[in-house]
Amino acid sequence: MSSGLTNRFDSEFVVMLRAVLDEAIDRISAENRTPATKAKMAECIVRTAASGVTDAGALVCVAVEEGRTPAA
């Protein structure tokens, strides 16, 4: 995460983002749960949150969609 993003997210929000990632990972196929795919999903969550989306449900949805295709 770049320092610009770190400054925008307080610790409470970061905790929520981690919970979002955990939930999203639980919702994708077990074979897609690779470190690379998890990283891709985390990046998607942070990028989406940085664009202004703060609803946990919406963030889970975008991460699950991202995780349906395994990282290369």
N, C-alpha and C. Protein backbone atom coordinates (compact mmCIF):
# COMPACT_ATOMS: atom_id res chain seq x y z
N MET A 1 0.84 -1.17 0.00
CA MET A 1 0.00 0.00 0.00
C MET A 1 0.88 1.24 0.00
N SER A 2 0.55 2.19 -0.81
CA SER A 2 1.35 3.41 -0.83
C SER A 2 1.04 4.25 0.40
N SER A 3 1.98 5.14 0.74
CA SER A 3 1.78 5.96 1.94
C SER A 3 0.57 6.87 1.80
N GLY A 4 0.22 7.25 0.59
CA GLY A 4 -0.96 8.08 0.39
C GLY A 4 -2.23 7.38 0.82
N LEU A 5 -2.33 6.08 0.50
CA LEU A 5 -3.50 5.33 0.91
C LEU A 5 -3.49 5.08 2.42
N THR A 6 -2.34 4.82 2.97
CA THR A 6 -2.24 4.57 4.40
C THR A 6 -2.77 5.75 5.19
N ASN A 7 -2.48 6.96 4.74
CA ASN A 7 -2.93 8.15 5.44
C ASN A 7 -4.45 8.33 5.37
N ARG A 8 -5.09 7.75 4.38
CA ARG A 8 -6.52 7.92 4.23
C ARG A 8 -7.33 6.94 5.08
N PHE A 9 -6.74 5.82 5.44
CA PHE A 9 -7.46 4.77 6.15
C PHE A 9 -7.03 4.75 7.61
N ASP A 10 -7.98 4.97 8.52
CA ASP A 10 -7.62 4.87 9.94
C ASP A 10 -7.58 3.39 10.34
N SER A 11 -7.07 3.12 11.52
CA SER A 11 -6.85 1.73 11.94
C SER A 11 -8.15 0.94 12.00
N GLU A 12 -9.22 1.57 12.40
CA GLU A 12 -10.52 0.89 12.46
C GLU A 12 -10.98 0.47 11.06
N PHE A 13 -10.76 1.32 10.08
CA PHE A 13 -11.15 1.01 8.71
C PHE A 13 -10.28 -0.12 8.16
N VAL A 14 -9.00 -0.12 8.48
CA VAL A 14 -8.10 -1.18 8.04
C VAL A 14 -8.54 -2.53 8.62
N VAL A 15 -8.96 -2.53 9.87
CA VAL A 15 -9.48 -3.77 10.48
C VAL A 15 -10.69 -4.26 9.71
N MET A 16 -11.57 -3.35 9.33
CA MET A 16 -12.75 -3.72 8.55
C MET A 16 -12.34 -4.27 7.18
N LEU A 17 -11.34 -3.65 6.56
CA LEU A 17 -10.89 -4.13 5.25
C LEU A 17 -10.32 -5.54 5.35
N ARG A 18 -9.62 -5.83 6.41
CA ARG A 18 -9.09 -7.19 6.60
C ARG A 18 -10.22 -8.19 6.77
N ALA A 19 -11.26 -7.80 7.51
CA ALA A 19 -12.42 -8.68 7.68
C ALA A 19 -13.13 -8.90 6.35
N VAL A 20 -13.20 -7.86 5.54
CA VAL A 20 -13.80 -7.96 4.20
C VAL A 20 -13.01 -8.98 3.38
N LEU A 21 -11.69 -8.89 3.40
CA LEU A 21 -10.86 -9.83 2.65
C LEU A 21 -11.09 -11.25 3.14
N ASP A 22 -11.11 -11.46 4.44
CA ASP A 22 -11.33 -12.80 4.99
C ASP A 22 -12.67 -13.37 4.52
N GLU A 23 -13.70 -12.55 4.59
CA GLU A 23 -15.03 -13.01 4.16
C GLU A 23 -15.05 -13.32 2.67
N ALA A 24 -14.43 -12.46 1.88
CA ALA A 24 -14.41 -12.66 0.43
C ALA A 24 -13.65 -13.94 0.07
N ILE A 25 -12.56 -14.19 0.75
CA ILE A 25 -11.78 -15.40 0.48
C ILE A 25 -12.61 -16.64 0.79
N ASP A 26 -13.39 -16.59 1.87
CA ASP A 26 -14.25 -17.72 2.22
C ASP A 26 -15.32 -17.99 1.17
N ARG A 27 -15.61 -17.00 0.35
CA ARG A 27 -16.69 -17.13 -0.64
C ARG A 27 -16.21 -17.57 -2.02
N ILE A 28 -14.90 -17.72 -2.21
CA ILE A 28 -14.41 -18.17 -3.52
C ILE A 28 -14.05 -19.64 -3.44
N SER A 29 -13.89 -20.26 -4.59
CA SER A 29 -13.53 -21.67 -4.66
C SER A 29 -12.20 -21.92 -3.96
N ALA A 30 -12.12 -23.05 -3.28
CA ALA A 30 -10.91 -23.40 -2.53
C ALA A 30 -9.68 -23.42 -3.44
N GLU A 31 -9.84 -23.86 -4.67
CA GLU A 31 -8.69 -23.92 -5.57
C GLU A 31 -8.17 -22.54 -5.98
N ASN A 32 -8.98 -21.52 -5.80
CA ASN A 32 -8.56 -20.15 -6.11
C ASN A 32 -7.92 -19.44 -4.92
N ARG A 33 -7.88 -20.07 -3.78
CA ARG A 33 -7.39 -19.42 -2.55
C ARG A 33 -5.86 -19.48 -2.45
N THR A 34 -5.21 -19.00 -3.49
CA THR A 34 -3.75 -18.96 -3.52
C THR A 34 -3.28 -17.62 -2.97
N PRO A 35 -2.03 -17.54 -2.52
CA PRO A 35 -1.51 -16.25 -2.06
C PRO A 35 -1.62 -15.15 -3.13
N ALA A 36 -1.38 -15.50 -4.39
CA ALA A 36 -1.45 -14.51 -5.46
C ALA A 36 -2.87 -13.99 -5.66
N THR A 37 -3.84 -14.89 -5.60
CA THR A 37 -5.23 -14.46 -5.77
C THR A 37 -5.68 -13.64 -4.57
N LYS A 38 -5.27 -14.05 -3.36
CA LYS A 38 -5.60 -13.26 -2.18
C LYS A 38 -5.02 -11.86 -2.28
N ALA A 39 -3.79 -11.75 -2.77
CA ALA A 39 -3.16 -10.43 -2.94
C ALA A 39 -3.92 -9.60 -3.97
N LYS A 40 -4.35 -10.24 -5.05
CA LYS A 40 -5.12 -9.55 -6.08
C LYS A 40 -6.45 -9.04 -5.51
N MET A 41 -7.07 -9.84 -4.68
CA MET A 41 -8.33 -9.45 -4.05
C MET A 41 -8.11 -8.29 -3.07
N ALA A 42 -7.05 -8.37 -2.29
CA ALA A 42 -6.73 -7.30 -1.34
C ALA A 42 -6.50 -5.99 -2.08
N GLU A 43 -5.76 -6.06 -3.18
CA GLU A 43 -5.51 -4.85 -3.97
C GLU A 43 -6.82 -4.27 -4.50
N CYS A 44 -7.70 -5.13 -4.94
CA CYS A 44 -9.01 -4.68 -5.44
C CYS A 44 -9.81 -3.99 -4.34
N ILE A 45 -9.79 -4.57 -3.15
CA ILE A 45 -10.50 -3.98 -2.01
C ILE A 45 -9.95 -2.60 -1.69
N VAL A 46 -8.63 -2.49 -1.61
CA VAL A 46 -8.01 -1.19 -1.27
C VAL A 46 -8.29 -0.17 -2.36
N ARG A 47 -8.16 -0.57 -3.60
CA ARG A 47 -8.41 0.35 -4.72
C ARG A 47 -9.86 0.84 -4.69
N THR A 48 -10.79 -0.08 -4.45
CA THR A 48 -12.21 0.28 -4.41
C THR A 48 -12.50 1.19 -3.22
N ALA A 49 -11.93 0.86 -2.07
CA ALA A 49 -12.13 1.70 -0.88
C ALA A 49 -11.53 3.09 -1.10
N ALA A 50 -10.38 3.15 -1.75
CA ALA A 50 -9.74 4.44 -2.02
C ALA A 50 -10.58 5.30 -2.96
N SER A 51 -11.40 4.65 -3.78
CA SER A 51 -12.27 5.40 -4.70
C SER A 51 -13.51 5.94 -3.99
N GLY A 52 -13.70 5.55 -2.70
CA GLY A 52 -14.80 6.10 -1.94
C GLY A 52 -15.83 5.09 -1.47
N VAL A 53 -15.73 3.83 -1.90
CA VAL A 53 -16.68 2.81 -1.46
C VAL A 53 -16.27 2.34 -0.07
N THR A 54 -17.15 2.49 0.90
CA THR A 54 -16.83 2.11 2.27
C THR A 54 -17.77 1.05 2.83
N ASP A 55 -18.77 0.65 2.07
CA ASP A 55 -19.71 -0.36 2.52
C ASP A 55 -19.06 -1.74 2.45
N ALA A 56 -19.02 -2.44 3.58
CA ALA A 56 -18.35 -3.74 3.65
C ALA A 56 -18.96 -4.74 2.66
N GLY A 57 -20.27 -4.76 2.56
CA GLY A 57 -20.93 -5.69 1.63
C GLY A 57 -20.53 -5.45 0.20
N ALA A 58 -20.46 -4.20 -0.20
CA ALA A 58 -20.06 -3.86 -1.56
C ALA A 58 -18.60 -4.25 -1.81
N LEU A 59 -17.76 -4.04 -0.81
CA LEU A 59 -16.35 -4.40 -0.95
C LEU A 59 -16.17 -5.91 -1.04
N VAL A 60 -16.94 -6.66 -0.27
CA VAL A 60 -16.89 -8.12 -0.37
C VAL A 60 -17.28 -8.55 -1.78
N CYS A 61 -18.32 -7.96 -2.31
CA CYS A 61 -18.80 -8.33 -3.65
C CYS A 61 -17.74 -8.10 -4.72
N VAL A 62 -17.08 -6.95 -4.70
CA VAL A 62 -16.06 -6.69 -5.72
C VAL A 62 -14.87 -7.62 -5.54
N ALA A 63 -14.53 -7.94 -4.30
CA ALA A 63 -13.40 -8.84 -4.06
C ALA A 63 -13.71 -10.26 -4.51
N VAL A 64 -14.93 -10.72 -4.23
CA VAL A 64 -15.33 -12.06 -4.66
C VAL A 64 -15.28 -12.14 -6.18
N GLU A 65 -15.80 -11.13 -6.84
CA GLU A 65 -15.76 -11.10 -8.31
C GLU A 65 -14.32 -11.18 -8.80
N GLU A 66 -13.43 -10.44 -8.17
CA GLU A 66 -12.01 -10.45 -8.53
C GLU A 66 -11.40 -11.84 -8.28
N GLY A 67 -11.81 -12.50 -7.22
CA GLY A 67 -11.25 -13.78 -6.85
C GLY A 67 -11.78 -14.97 -7.64
N ARG A 68 -12.79 -14.75 -8.43
CA ARG A 68 -13.33 -15.85 -9.24
C ARG A 68 -12.35 -16.27 -10.32
N THR A 69 -11.48 -15.35 -10.72
CA THR A 69 -10.44 -15.67 -11.69
C THR A 69 -9.12 -15.70 -10.94
N PRO A 70 -8.46 -16.85 -10.88
CA PRO A 70 -7.20 -16.93 -10.14
C PRO A 70 -6.14 -16.03 -10.74
N ALA A 71 -5.26 -15.54 -9.88
CA ALA A 71 -4.15 -14.72 -10.36
C ALA A 71 -3.21 -15.57 -11.20
N ALA A 72 -2.62 -14.95 -12.19
CA ALA A 72 -1.70 -15.67 -13.08
C ALA A 72 -0.38 -15.96 -12.40
